[in-house]
Amino acid sequence: MAISESSLHPYIKGLVEENGKLTVTELNKLLREILILDSDDLTILSGRKDDKFSQIVRNVVAHSPEGISSKNGYIIDKTKKPAVFYAKVAISDDATQSIITTDKIKERKEKKRKFTARKVDFKTINNENSALGDAGEVFALEWERNRLKDLNVTFNILDEVIHFSRKFGDGAGYDILSRKDNNYELLYIEVKTTKGGLDTPFYISENEKNFMEIYKENTLIYRVYNYDKDTNVGEIEIITYDKLVANYDFNPITYKVTKKMDI
């Protein structure tokens, strides 16, 4: 499936939020590491040395306003060559006042070095998402958007609350990207859904556990329980990292088995 410019925005937002700051060149490289491109994306353009995908990434910059502008939940600075993408840490009519600080960029890049999401395989995502889990994520997504509406936040909720597992599968380490409140602090949400009660055990992957340990202050589990997919009715328990460690047991139930090299 060829990549379109509009389909790139959620991926760009995720990478920019994780890194704080990326040049368009760095962004192009990182997008190639997480997306599986097809032959159309990799077609070399006539008269150029790069491919169609690089052109699509450049178009994201070309189609943004001149100067420094805010769009799709991130900031693009076209005054720099190459153009630079920044995460936002505030809401302001003046985009320059919303750009993440140097200290915050350093902090995010340090965390990012400890965690790497795997490539996005759209076929795997489509095949592996269970109907119940997918429906529970959509339920939690709407619940989260309504939570922010009730807080009367001033930012664009549709730009800031994104269903990331629809894009990354479980490779990103979380399902929903959001904001805590009007202070604009990032919030990563992992959704776990059951038709049963709140005490029903749930599964968490090593990837998800590692992510939550690194981003513990900004990550929550939304435990969707008593959920009826047909009526789209359920309840949500919010589990912080500290609550997860203090009140839940982790029991390994699967192992990777590899043949010994000396046999």
Protein backbone atom coordinates (compact mmCIF):
# COMPACT_ATOMS: atom_id res chain seq x y z
CA MET A 1 0.00 0.00 0.00
CA ALA A 2 1.63 3.25 -1.14
CA ILE A 3 2.04 5.97 1.47
CA SER A 4 0.15 9.26 1.04
CA GLU A 5 1.08 12.65 2.50
CA SER A 6 -2.03 12.81 4.68
CA SER A 7 -1.42 9.33 6.10
CA LEU A 8 2.04 10.39 7.30
CA HIS A 9 0.87 13.00 9.80
CA PRO A 10 0.16 10.64 12.75
CA TYR A 11 3.55 8.94 12.26
CA ILE A 12 5.32 12.30 12.06
CA LYS A 13 3.58 13.48 15.22
CA GLY A 14 4.64 10.33 17.08
CA LEU A 15 8.28 10.59 16.03
CA VAL A 16 8.42 14.32 16.74
CA GLU A 17 6.85 13.85 20.19
CA GLU A 18 9.33 11.10 21.03
CA ASN A 19 12.39 13.04 19.84
CA GLY A 20 11.33 16.61 20.52
CA LYS A 21 13.08 17.92 17.40
CA LEU A 22 13.85 16.43 13.98
CA THR A 23 15.12 17.87 10.72
CA VAL A 24 13.20 16.78 7.64
CA THR A 25 16.26 14.67 6.72
CA GLU A 26 16.21 12.89 10.10
CA LEU A 27 12.45 12.46 9.85
CA ASN A 28 12.73 10.85 6.41
CA LYS A 29 15.27 8.36 7.79
CA LEU A 30 13.21 7.48 10.88
CA LEU A 31 9.99 7.05 8.89
CA ARG A 32 11.79 4.52 6.70
CA GLU A 33 12.81 2.60 9.81
CA ILE A 34 9.25 2.19 11.08
CA LEU A 35 7.23 1.96 7.86
CA ILE A 36 7.25 -0.85 5.34
CA LEU A 37 7.41 0.85 1.95
CA ASP A 38 6.22 -0.77 -1.29
CA SER A 39 7.68 -0.60 -4.78
CA ASP A 40 5.65 2.50 -5.63
CA ASP A 41 7.06 4.37 -2.61
CA LEU A 42 10.60 3.38 -3.60
CA THR A 43 10.29 4.37 -7.27
CA ILE A 44 13.19 6.66 -8.23
CA LEU A 45 11.93 9.99 -9.53
CA SER A 46 12.87 11.04 -13.04
CA GLY A 47 15.85 13.37 -13.05
CA ARG A 48 16.49 12.93 -9.31
CA LYS A 49 18.51 10.63 -7.08
CA ASP A 50 15.81 10.09 -4.49
CA ASP A 51 12.51 8.20 -4.51
CA LYS A 52 8.81 8.99 -4.34
CA PHE A 53 8.64 8.55 -0.58
CA SER A 54 11.28 11.26 -0.04
CA GLN A 55 9.20 13.56 -2.22
CA ILE A 56 6.10 12.86 -0.12
CA VAL A 57 8.02 13.76 3.06
CA ARG A 58 9.29 16.96 1.44
CA ASN A 59 5.72 17.80 0.41
CA VAL A 60 4.71 17.86 4.08
CA VAL A 61 7.12 20.79 4.43
CA ALA A 62 6.31 22.37 1.06
CA HIS A 63 2.56 22.42 1.76
CA SER A 64 2.93 24.05 5.18
CA PRO A 65 2.82 27.86 5.57
CA GLU A 66 6.03 29.87 5.22
CA GLY A 67 8.02 30.66 8.35
CA ILE A 68 7.20 28.85 11.60
CA SER A 69 3.76 27.27 11.72
CA SER A 70 1.73 24.85 13.79
CA LYS A 71 -0.30 22.12 12.08
CA ASN A 72 -1.37 18.52 12.73
CA GLY A 73 -0.15 18.71 16.33
CA TYR A 74 3.48 19.64 15.60
CA ILE A 75 5.49 22.69 14.49
CA ILE A 76 7.40 23.11 11.22
CA ASP A 77 10.15 25.74 10.97
CA LYS A 78 10.75 26.48 7.28
CA THR A 79 13.17 29.31 8.10
CA LYS A 80 15.84 26.66 8.70
CA LYS A 81 17.52 24.62 5.95
CA PRO A 82 16.70 21.79 6.09
CA ALA A 83 13.33 22.44 7.69
CA VAL A 84 12.95 21.42 11.35
CA PHE A 85 10.00 19.72 13.03
CA TYR A 86 9.39 20.53 16.72
CA ALA A 87 7.12 19.12 19.40
CA LYS A 88 4.79 21.60 21.08
CA VAL A 89 4.87 22.24 24.82
CA ALA A 90 2.31 25.02 24.96
CA ILE A 91 -0.67 26.42 23.11
CA SER A 92 -0.19 29.88 21.64
CA ASP A 93 -1.36 31.84 18.62
CA ASP A 94 2.35 32.46 18.00
CA ALA A 95 3.89 29.10 17.05
CA THR A 96 7.35 30.28 18.13
CA GLN A 97 6.07 30.45 21.72
CA SER A 98 4.97 26.81 21.59
CA ILE A 99 8.28 25.21 20.58
CA ILE A 100 9.77 22.67 22.98
CA THR A 101 12.79 23.81 25.01
CA THR A 102 16.34 22.56 24.44
CA ASP A 103 16.33 20.81 27.83
CA LYS A 104 13.08 19.00 27.00
CA ILE A 105 14.49 17.92 23.62
CA LYS A 106 17.53 16.45 25.35
CA GLU A 107 15.32 14.65 27.88
CA ARG A 108 13.09 13.10 25.19
CA LYS A 109 16.00 11.97 23.02
CA GLU A 110 17.59 10.30 26.04
CA LYS A 111 14.40 8.34 26.73
CA LYS A 112 14.02 7.47 23.06
CA ARG A 113 17.49 5.91 22.98
CA LYS A 114 16.26 3.36 25.54
CA PHE A 115 13.23 2.31 23.52
CA THR A 116 12.79 1.49 19.83
CA ALA A 117 9.45 0.54 18.30
CA ARG A 118 9.49 -2.14 15.62
CA LYS A 119 8.59 -1.69 11.97
CA VAL A 120 4.95 -1.20 11.06
CA ASP A 121 3.54 -4.17 9.17
CA PHE A 122 0.04 -3.22 8.05
CA LYS A 123 -0.84 -6.81 7.15
CA THR A 124 0.10 -8.02 10.64
CA ILE A 125 -1.88 -5.21 12.24
CA ASN A 126 -4.98 -6.09 10.25
CA ASN A 127 -4.67 -9.80 10.99
CA GLU A 128 -3.76 -9.65 14.68
CA ASN A 129 -6.09 -6.99 16.07
CA SER A 130 -8.88 -8.89 17.80
CA ALA A 131 -12.39 -7.55 17.38
CA LEU A 132 -12.81 -7.09 21.14
CA GLY A 133 -9.45 -5.40 21.66
CA ASP A 134 -9.92 -3.09 18.70
CA ALA A 135 -13.43 -2.12 19.81
CA GLY A 136 -12.17 -1.50 23.34
CA GLU A 137 -9.47 0.84 22.03
CA VAL A 138 -12.04 2.85 20.08
CA PHE A 139 -14.22 3.00 23.21
CA ALA A 140 -11.24 4.26 25.25
CA LEU A 141 -10.31 6.74 22.51
CA GLU A 142 -13.74 8.37 22.65
CA TRP A 143 -13.70 8.26 26.47
CA GLU A 144 -10.36 10.09 26.46
CA ARG A 145 -11.55 12.73 24.01
CA ASN A 146 -14.63 13.31 26.15
CA ARG A 147 -12.44 13.56 29.27
CA LEU A 148 -10.51 16.41 27.66
CA LYS A 149 -13.69 18.08 26.43
CA ASP A 150 -14.98 18.08 30.01
CA LEU A 151 -11.75 19.84 31.04
CA ASN A 152 -12.47 22.53 28.43
CA VAL A 153 -8.98 22.25 26.99
CA THR A 154 -7.98 24.95 24.52
CA PHE A 155 -6.07 22.74 22.09
CA ASN A 156 -7.42 20.79 19.10
CA ILE A 157 -8.40 17.42 20.58
CA LEU A 158 -8.50 15.68 17.19
CA ASP A 159 -4.89 16.74 16.54
CA GLU A 160 -3.66 15.69 19.96
CA VAL A 161 -5.59 12.48 20.73
CA ILE A 162 -4.56 9.84 18.21
CA HIS A 163 -5.28 6.12 17.97
CA PHE A 164 -1.67 5.03 17.49
CA SER A 165 -2.15 1.28 17.58
CA ARG A 166 -4.18 1.65 14.38
CA LYS A 167 -0.96 2.92 12.81
CA PHE A 168 1.83 1.13 14.67
CA GLY A 169 0.19 -2.03 16.00
CA ASP A 170 1.69 -2.80 19.42
CA GLY A 171 5.14 -1.74 18.23
CA ALA A 172 4.83 1.76 19.65
CA GLY A 173 4.39 0.51 23.22
CA TYR A 174 1.05 2.27 23.67
CA ASP A 175 -2.33 2.55 21.97
CA ILE A 176 -3.39 6.20 22.31
CA LEU A 177 -1.35 9.41 22.32
CA SER A 178 -2.98 12.23 24.29
CA ARG A 179 -2.38 15.15 26.66
CA LYS A 180 -3.00 15.17 30.41
CA ASP A 181 -4.77 18.55 30.48
CA ASN A 182 -4.31 22.18 29.49
CA ASN A 183 -0.76 22.06 30.84
CA TYR A 184 -0.14 20.14 27.60
CA GLU A 185 1.92 17.37 29.19
CA LEU A 186 2.09 14.23 27.06
CA LEU A 187 0.01 11.18 27.96
CA TYR A 188 0.57 7.68 26.57
CA ILE A 189 -2.35 5.29 27.04
CA GLU A 190 -2.25 1.50 26.80
CA VAL A 191 -5.74 -0.05 26.55
CA LYS A 192 -6.59 -3.48 27.95
CA THR A 193 -10.12 -4.72 27.32
CA THR A 194 -12.19 -7.54 28.81
CA LYS A 195 -15.81 -8.60 28.81
CA GLY A 196 -15.25 -9.70 32.40
CA GLY A 197 -14.94 -7.79 35.64
CA LEU A 198 -12.16 -5.54 36.84
CA ASP A 199 -10.24 -8.41 38.45
CA THR A 200 -9.93 -10.35 35.19
CA PRO A 201 -6.20 -10.90 34.42
CA PHE A 202 -4.79 -9.15 31.36
CA TYR A 203 -1.70 -9.56 29.22
CA ILE A 204 1.09 -7.06 28.71
CA SER A 205 3.93 -7.61 26.26
CA GLU A 206 7.61 -7.13 27.09
CA ASN A 207 7.59 -4.22 24.66
CA GLU A 208 4.68 -2.54 26.47
CA LYS A 209 6.24 -3.18 29.89
CA ASN A 210 9.57 -1.67 28.79
CA PHE A 211 7.83 1.40 27.40
CA MET A 212 5.86 1.94 30.60
CA GLU A 213 9.02 1.66 32.72
CA ILE A 214 10.80 4.32 30.63
CA TYR A 215 7.83 6.70 30.32
CA LYS A 216 6.32 5.85 33.71
CA GLU A 217 5.36 9.43 34.61
CA ASN A 218 3.43 9.88 31.37
CA THR A 219 1.91 6.45 30.77
CA LEU A 220 -1.41 5.01 31.97
CA ILE A 221 -3.28 1.77 31.39
CA TYR A 222 -6.95 2.25 30.63
CA ARG A 223 -8.46 -1.02 31.82
CA VAL A 224 -11.76 -1.37 29.93
CA TYR A 225 -13.92 -3.93 31.76
CA ASN A 226 -17.51 -5.18 31.75
CA TYR A 227 -17.33 -4.24 28.08
CA ASP A 228 -20.09 -5.22 25.65
CA LYS A 229 -18.89 -4.82 22.08
CA ASP A 230 -22.41 -5.00 20.64
CA THR A 231 -23.75 -2.12 22.73
CA ASN A 232 -20.37 -0.34 23.10
CA VAL A 233 -20.92 -0.04 26.85
CA GLY A 234 -18.24 -0.57 29.47
CA GLU A 235 -16.30 0.91 32.36
CA ILE A 236 -12.73 2.20 32.64
CA GLU A 237 -10.25 1.85 35.50
CA ILE A 238 -7.13 4.03 35.19
CA ILE A 239 -3.92 2.27 36.29
CA THR A 240 -0.73 4.26 36.85
CA TYR A 241 2.73 2.70 36.70
CA ASP A 242 3.07 2.88 40.50
CA LYS A 243 -0.34 1.22 40.95
CA LEU A 244 0.57 -1.48 38.42
CA VAL A 245 3.80 -2.36 40.24
CA ALA A 246 2.25 -2.21 43.72
CA ASN A 247 -1.07 -3.97 43.11
CA TYR A 248 -0.46 -6.46 40.28
CA ASP A 249 1.70 -9.56 39.84
CA PHE A 250 3.64 -10.23 36.62
CA ASN A 251 3.67 -13.89 35.68
CA PRO A 252 5.72 -14.87 32.59
CA ILE A 253 3.76 -17.40 30.55
CA THR A 254 5.62 -17.56 27.24
CA TYR A 255 9.27 -18.12 26.35
CA LYS A 256 11.33 -17.69 23.22
CA VAL A 257 13.03 -21.02 22.55
CA THR A 258 16.28 -21.01 20.50
CA LYS A 259 18.39 -24.02 19.59
CA LYS A 260 21.75 -24.05 21.33
CA MET A 261 24.63 -23.23 19.00
CA ASP A 262 26.96 -25.98 20.29
CA ILE A 263 24.57 -28.86 19.55
